Amino acid sequence: MTNKEAVERWARHIIPAVFRAEDALQKARPEWKERLKNVTDDNVSQIAEQYCTEIATIIVKYGSDYEPDGTLDE
């Protein structure tokens, strides 16, 4: 894959999926808005990891190739 193809893949597929998942998370769990407002230097890494995990979970669960395997909470 060329660099240009990689950029196109990110721009067309990966980044839009992240934005859609973030919107879905905000709707499903509105408490995240407050958690994100209250990020501090002391908890930024922990909150970022949790937020990214929630977004990744949404992307995986709602992907066309998702097959439950018991490793995610349903």
C-alpha atoms as a PDB file:
ATOM      1  CA  MET A   1       0.000   0.000   0.000  1.00  0.00           C
ATOM      2  CA  THR A   2       1.368   3.399  -0.919  1.00  0.00           C
ATOM      3  CA  ASN A   3       1.326   6.331   1.481  1.00  0.00           C
ATOM      4  CA  LYS A   4      -1.392   7.942  -0.629  1.00  0.00           C
ATOM      5  CA  GLU A   5      -3.498   4.781  -0.451  1.00  0.00           C
ATOM      6  CA  ALA A   6      -2.980   4.628   3.314  1.00  0.00           C
ATOM      7  CA  VAL A   7      -4.148   8.233   3.695  1.00  0.00           C
ATOM      8  CA  GLU A   8      -7.192   7.533   1.529  1.00  0.00           C
ATOM      9  CA  ARG A   9      -8.026   4.431   3.593  1.00  0.00           C
ATOM     10  CA  TRP A  10      -7.778   6.406   6.831  1.00  0.00           C
ATOM     11  CA  ALA A  11      -9.785   9.320   5.440  1.00  0.00           C
ATOM     12  CA  ARG A  12     -12.545   7.211   3.886  1.00  0.00           C
ATOM     13  CA  HIS A  13     -12.940   4.375   6.367  1.00  0.00           C
ATOM     14  CA  ILE A  14     -11.136   4.593   9.679  1.00  0.00           C
ATOM     15  CA  ILE A  15     -11.613   8.207  10.773  1.00  0.00           C
ATOM     16  CA  PRO A  16     -15.309   8.362   9.755  1.00  0.00           C
ATOM     17  CA  ALA A  17     -15.890   5.138  11.729  1.00  0.00           C
ATOM     18  CA  VAL A  18     -14.349   6.768  14.793  1.00  0.00           C
ATOM     19  CA  PHE A  19     -16.573   9.851  14.473  1.00  0.00           C
ATOM     20  CA  ARG A  20     -19.689   7.698  14.035  1.00  0.00           C
ATOM     21  CA  ALA A  21     -18.737   5.597  17.050  1.00  0.00           C
ATOM     22  CA  GLU A  22     -18.091   8.702  19.135  1.00  0.00           C
ATOM     23  CA  ASP A  23     -21.542  10.045  18.228  1.00  0.00           C
ATOM     24  CA  ALA A  24     -23.108   6.693  19.128  1.00  0.00           C
ATOM     25  CA  LEU A  25     -21.269   6.641  22.464  1.00  0.00           C
ATOM     26  CA  GLN A  26     -22.362  10.180  23.322  1.00  0.00           C
ATOM     27  CA  LYS A  27     -25.992   9.218  22.622  1.00  0.00           C
ATOM     28  CA  ALA A  28     -25.879   5.870  24.422  1.00  0.00           C
ATOM     29  CA  ARG A  29     -23.873   7.080  27.420  1.00  0.00           C
ATOM     30  CA  PRO A  30     -24.321  10.834  27.874  1.00  0.00           C
ATOM     31  CA  GLU A  31     -22.355  10.700  31.123  1.00  0.00           C
ATOM     32  CA  TRP A  32     -19.231  10.726  28.970  1.00  0.00           C
ATOM     33  CA  LYS A  33     -19.734  14.431  28.252  1.00  0.00           C
ATOM     34  CA  GLU A  34     -19.331  15.182  31.946  1.00  0.00           C
ATOM     35  CA  ARG A  35     -16.401  12.791  32.339  1.00  0.00           C
ATOM     36  CA  LEU A  36     -14.593  14.476  29.448  1.00  0.00           C
ATOM     37  CA  LYS A  37     -15.242  17.924  30.912  1.00  0.00           C
ATOM     38  CA  ASN A  38     -13.645  16.818  34.168  1.00  0.00           C
ATOM     39  CA  VAL A  39     -10.374  15.485  32.758  1.00  0.00           C
ATOM     40  CA  THR A  40      -7.341  16.563  34.758  1.00  0.00           C
ATOM     41  CA  ASP A  41      -3.618  16.089  34.371  1.00  0.00           C
ATOM     42  CA  ASP A  42      -3.885  13.303  36.954  1.00  0.00           C
ATOM     43  CA  ASN A  43      -6.555  11.265  35.153  1.00  0.00           C
ATOM     44  CA  VAL A  44      -6.128  12.139  31.468  1.00  0.00           C
ATOM     45  CA  SER A  45      -4.378   8.873  30.558  1.00  0.00           C
ATOM     46  CA  GLN A  46      -6.944   6.731  32.350  1.00  0.00           C
ATOM     47  CA  ILE A  47      -9.930   8.599  30.880  1.00  0.00           C
ATOM     48  CA  ALA A  48      -8.413   8.570  27.381  1.00  0.00           C
ATOM     49  CA  GLU A  49      -7.811   4.820  27.559  1.00  0.00           C
ATOM     50  CA  GLN A  50     -11.370   4.144  28.757  1.00  0.00           C
ATOM     51  CA  TYR A  51     -12.899   6.450  26.139  1.00  0.00           C
ATOM     52  CA  CYS A  52     -10.880   4.915  23.309  1.00  0.00           C
ATOM     53  CA  THR A  53     -11.811   1.416  24.489  1.00  0.00           C
ATOM     54  CA  GLU A  54     -15.514   2.319  24.473  1.00  0.00           C
ATOM     55  CA  ILE A  55     -15.248   3.776  20.963  1.00  0.00           C
ATOM     56  CA  ALA A  56     -13.304   0.748  19.713  1.00  0.00           C
ATOM     57  CA  THR A  57     -15.911  -1.574  21.230  1.00  0.00           C
ATOM     58  CA  ILE A  58     -18.670   0.216  19.335  1.00  0.00           C
ATOM     59  CA  ILE A  59     -16.712   0.025  16.089  1.00  0.00           C
ATOM     60  CA  VAL A  60     -16.119  -3.706  16.504  1.00  0.00           C
ATOM     61  CA  LYS A  61     -19.647  -4.561  17.644  1.00  0.00           C
ATOM     62  CA  TYR A  62     -21.342  -2.652  14.858  1.00  0.00           C
ATOM     63  CA  GLY A  63     -18.926  -3.719  12.121  1.00  0.00           C
ATOM     64  CA  SER A  64     -20.287  -5.839   9.324  1.00  0.00           C
ATOM     65  CA  ASP A  65     -17.941  -8.687  10.233  1.00  0.00           C
ATOM     66  CA  TYR A  66     -18.755  -8.779  13.972  1.00  0.00           C
ATOM     67  CA  GLU A  67     -19.254 -12.240  15.393  1.00  0.00           C
ATOM     68  CA  PRO A  68     -19.812 -12.450  19.160  1.00  0.00           C
ATOM     69  CA  ASP A  69     -17.137 -14.628  20.715  1.00  0.00           C
ATOM     70  CA  GLY A  70     -17.824 -14.040  24.401  1.00  0.00           C
ATOM     71  CA  THR A  71     -14.909 -11.678  24.941  1.00  0.00           C
ATOM     72  CA  LEU A  72     -17.025  -8.476  25.013  1.00  0.00           C
ATOM     73  CA  ASP A  73     -19.892  -7.591  27.318  1.00  0.00           C
ATOM     74  CA  GLU A  74     -23.085  -7.835  25.335  1.00  0.00           C
END
